[in-house]
Amino acid sequence: MEIKVLATKGCANCHAFYEAVLKAVAELQLDATVTKVDDIIGILSYGLSRIPGLVVDGKIIHYGSYLSLKEIKELLKKQTSSSDGLD
């Protein structure tokens, strides 16, 4: 699983969101690579005008607001269950 957090440098909420995503991945013991996309060109390439954004395997699954750790974990669980062929 490839996870990207779209966030600009200097955005405190974006940094907290990135840290929460890292924690969620660790707690869920996901086999995932998490990267932070913090350059404006990279963020705009996803068509987002509001950050932070969360992208899983190339699909934007959330953007525009901070999520709690619990909410992030729920989103990531949905992504893993939809990608394992159980749908």
C-alpha atoms as a PDB file:
ATOM      1  CA  MET A   1       0.000   0.000   0.000  1.00  0.00           C
ATOM      2  CA  GLU A   2       1.293   3.446  -0.901  1.00  0.00           C
ATOM      3  CA  ILE A   3       0.044   6.330   1.223  1.00  0.00           C
ATOM      4  CA  LYS A   4       0.738   9.974   0.498  1.00  0.00           C
ATOM      5  CA  VAL A   5      -0.076  12.853   2.789  1.00  0.00           C
ATOM      6  CA  LEU A   6      -0.478  16.089   0.854  1.00  0.00           C
ATOM      7  CA  ALA A   7       0.552  18.976   3.084  1.00  0.00           C
ATOM      8  CA  THR A   8       2.459  22.228   2.841  1.00  0.00           C
ATOM      9  CA  LYS A   9       5.503  23.138   4.859  1.00  0.00           C
ATOM     10  CA  GLY A  10       4.706  25.369   7.813  1.00  0.00           C
ATOM     11  CA  CYS A  11       1.138  24.095   8.219  1.00  0.00           C
ATOM     12  CA  ALA A  12       0.866  22.875  11.820  1.00  0.00           C
ATOM     13  CA  ASN A  13      -2.380  20.956  11.204  1.00  0.00           C
ATOM     14  CA  CYS A  14      -0.825  19.292   8.168  1.00  0.00           C
ATOM     15  CA  HIS A  15       2.188  18.173  10.178  1.00  0.00           C
ATOM     16  CA  ALA A  16      -0.086  16.811  12.929  1.00  0.00           C
ATOM     17  CA  PHE A  17      -2.140  15.012  10.250  1.00  0.00           C
ATOM     18  CA  TYR A  18       1.007  13.429   8.792  1.00  0.00           C
ATOM     19  CA  GLU A  19       2.097  12.258  12.250  1.00  0.00           C
ATOM     20  CA  ALA A  20      -1.382  10.828  12.915  1.00  0.00           C
ATOM     21  CA  VAL A  21      -1.258   8.913   9.613  1.00  0.00           C
ATOM     22  CA  LEU A  22       2.118   7.430  10.570  1.00  0.00           C
ATOM     23  CA  LYS A  23       0.712   6.399  13.948  1.00  0.00           C
ATOM     24  CA  ALA A  24      -2.414   4.870  12.381  1.00  0.00           C
ATOM     25  CA  VAL A  25      -0.319   2.827   9.950  1.00  0.00           C
ATOM     26  CA  ALA A  26       1.848   1.568  12.813  1.00  0.00           C
ATOM     27  CA  GLU A  27      -1.098   0.725  15.063  1.00  0.00           C
ATOM     28  CA  LEU A  28      -2.897  -1.103  12.251  1.00  0.00           C
ATOM     29  CA  GLN A  29       0.368  -2.852  11.331  1.00  0.00           C
ATOM     30  CA  LEU A  30      -0.157  -2.064   7.665  1.00  0.00           C
ATOM     31  CA  ASP A  31       2.394  -2.972   5.046  1.00  0.00           C
ATOM     32  CA  ALA A  32       2.535   0.568   3.708  1.00  0.00           C
ATOM     33  CA  THR A  33       4.932   3.233   2.569  1.00  0.00           C
ATOM     34  CA  VAL A  34       3.982   6.692   3.816  1.00  0.00           C
ATOM     35  CA  THR A  35       5.376   9.775   2.133  1.00  0.00           C
ATOM     36  CA  LYS A  36       4.678  13.441   2.599  1.00  0.00           C
ATOM     37  CA  VAL A  37       4.131  15.536  -0.519  1.00  0.00           C
ATOM     38  CA  ASP A  38       4.830  19.089   0.558  1.00  0.00           C
ATOM     39  CA  ASP A  39       5.597  20.904  -2.662  1.00  0.00           C
ATOM     40  CA  ILE A  40       2.755  22.932  -4.138  1.00  0.00           C
ATOM     41  CA  ILE A  41       3.201  21.507  -7.645  1.00  0.00           C
ATOM     42  CA  GLY A  42       2.930  17.960  -6.289  1.00  0.00           C
ATOM     43  CA  ILE A  43      -0.195  18.847  -4.308  1.00  0.00           C
ATOM     44  CA  LEU A  44      -1.815  20.629  -7.254  1.00  0.00           C
ATOM     45  CA  SER A  45      -1.111  17.633  -9.494  1.00  0.00           C
ATOM     46  CA  TYR A  46      -3.833  15.853  -7.510  1.00  0.00           C
ATOM     47  CA  GLY A  47      -6.270  18.686  -8.229  1.00  0.00           C
ATOM     48  CA  LEU A  48      -6.641  19.680  -4.596  1.00  0.00           C
ATOM     49  CA  SER A  49      -7.262  23.245  -3.530  1.00  0.00           C
ATOM     50  CA  ARG A  50      -7.523  22.420   0.189  1.00  0.00           C
ATOM     51  CA  ILE A  51      -5.149  20.479   2.397  1.00  0.00           C
ATOM     52  CA  PRO A  52      -4.297  18.221   4.095  1.00  0.00           C
ATOM     53  CA  GLY A  53      -5.009  15.431   1.683  1.00  0.00           C
ATOM     54  CA  LEU A  54      -4.746  11.674   2.027  1.00  0.00           C
ATOM     55  CA  VAL A  55      -4.018   9.520  -1.010  1.00  0.00           C
ATOM     56  CA  VAL A  56      -3.956   5.723  -0.924  1.00  0.00           C
ATOM     57  CA  ASP A  57      -2.647   3.828  -3.924  1.00  0.00           C
ATOM     58  CA  GLY A  58      -3.222   6.868  -6.142  1.00  0.00           C
ATOM     59  CA  LYS A  59      -6.794   7.510  -4.966  1.00  0.00           C
ATOM     60  CA  ILE A  60      -7.698  10.616  -2.953  1.00  0.00           C
ATOM     61  CA  ILE A  61      -9.651   9.346   0.048  1.00  0.00           C
ATOM     62  CA  HIS A  62      -9.822  12.571   2.076  1.00  0.00           C
ATOM     63  CA  TYR A  63      -8.900  16.230   1.830  1.00  0.00           C
ATOM     64  CA  GLY A  64      -9.541  19.622   3.321  1.00  0.00           C
ATOM     65  CA  SER A  65      -9.756  18.912   7.030  1.00  0.00           C
ATOM     66  CA  TYR A  66      -7.853  17.373   9.891  1.00  0.00           C
ATOM     67  CA  LEU A  67      -9.016  13.928  10.984  1.00  0.00           C
ATOM     68  CA  SER A  68      -8.579  12.288  14.351  1.00  0.00           C
ATOM     69  CA  LEU A  69      -6.433   9.188  14.700  1.00  0.00           C
ATOM     70  CA  LYS A  70      -9.607   7.110  15.012  1.00  0.00           C
ATOM     71  CA  GLU A  71     -11.044   8.570  11.789  1.00  0.00           C
ATOM     72  CA  ILE A  72      -7.800   7.977   9.901  1.00  0.00           C
ATOM     73  CA  LYS A  73      -7.695   4.370  11.083  1.00  0.00           C
ATOM     74  CA  GLU A  74     -11.289   3.836   9.935  1.00  0.00           C
ATOM     75  CA  LEU A  75     -10.487   5.229   6.476  1.00  0.00           C
ATOM     76  CA  LEU A  76      -7.388   3.068   6.149  1.00  0.00           C
ATOM     77  CA  LYS A  77      -9.273  -0.042   7.281  1.00  0.00           C
ATOM     78  CA  LYS A  78     -11.871   0.598   4.554  1.00  0.00           C
ATOM     79  CA  GLN A  79      -9.101   0.888   1.991  1.00  0.00           C
ATOM     80  CA  THR A  80      -7.494  -2.390   3.035  1.00  0.00           C
ATOM     81  CA  SER A  81     -10.800  -4.251   3.036  1.00  0.00           C
ATOM     82  CA  SER A  82     -11.769  -2.875  -0.389  1.00  0.00           C
ATOM     83  CA  SER A  83      -8.403  -3.863  -1.889  1.00  0.00           C
ATOM     84  CA  ASP A  84      -8.331  -7.450  -0.652  1.00  0.00           C
ATOM     85  CA  GLY A  85     -11.059  -8.697  -2.956  1.00  0.00           C
ATOM     86  CA  LEU A  86     -13.739  -9.034  -0.284  1.00  0.00           C
ATOM     87  CA  ASP A  87     -16.094  -6.476  -1.842  1.00  0.00           C
END
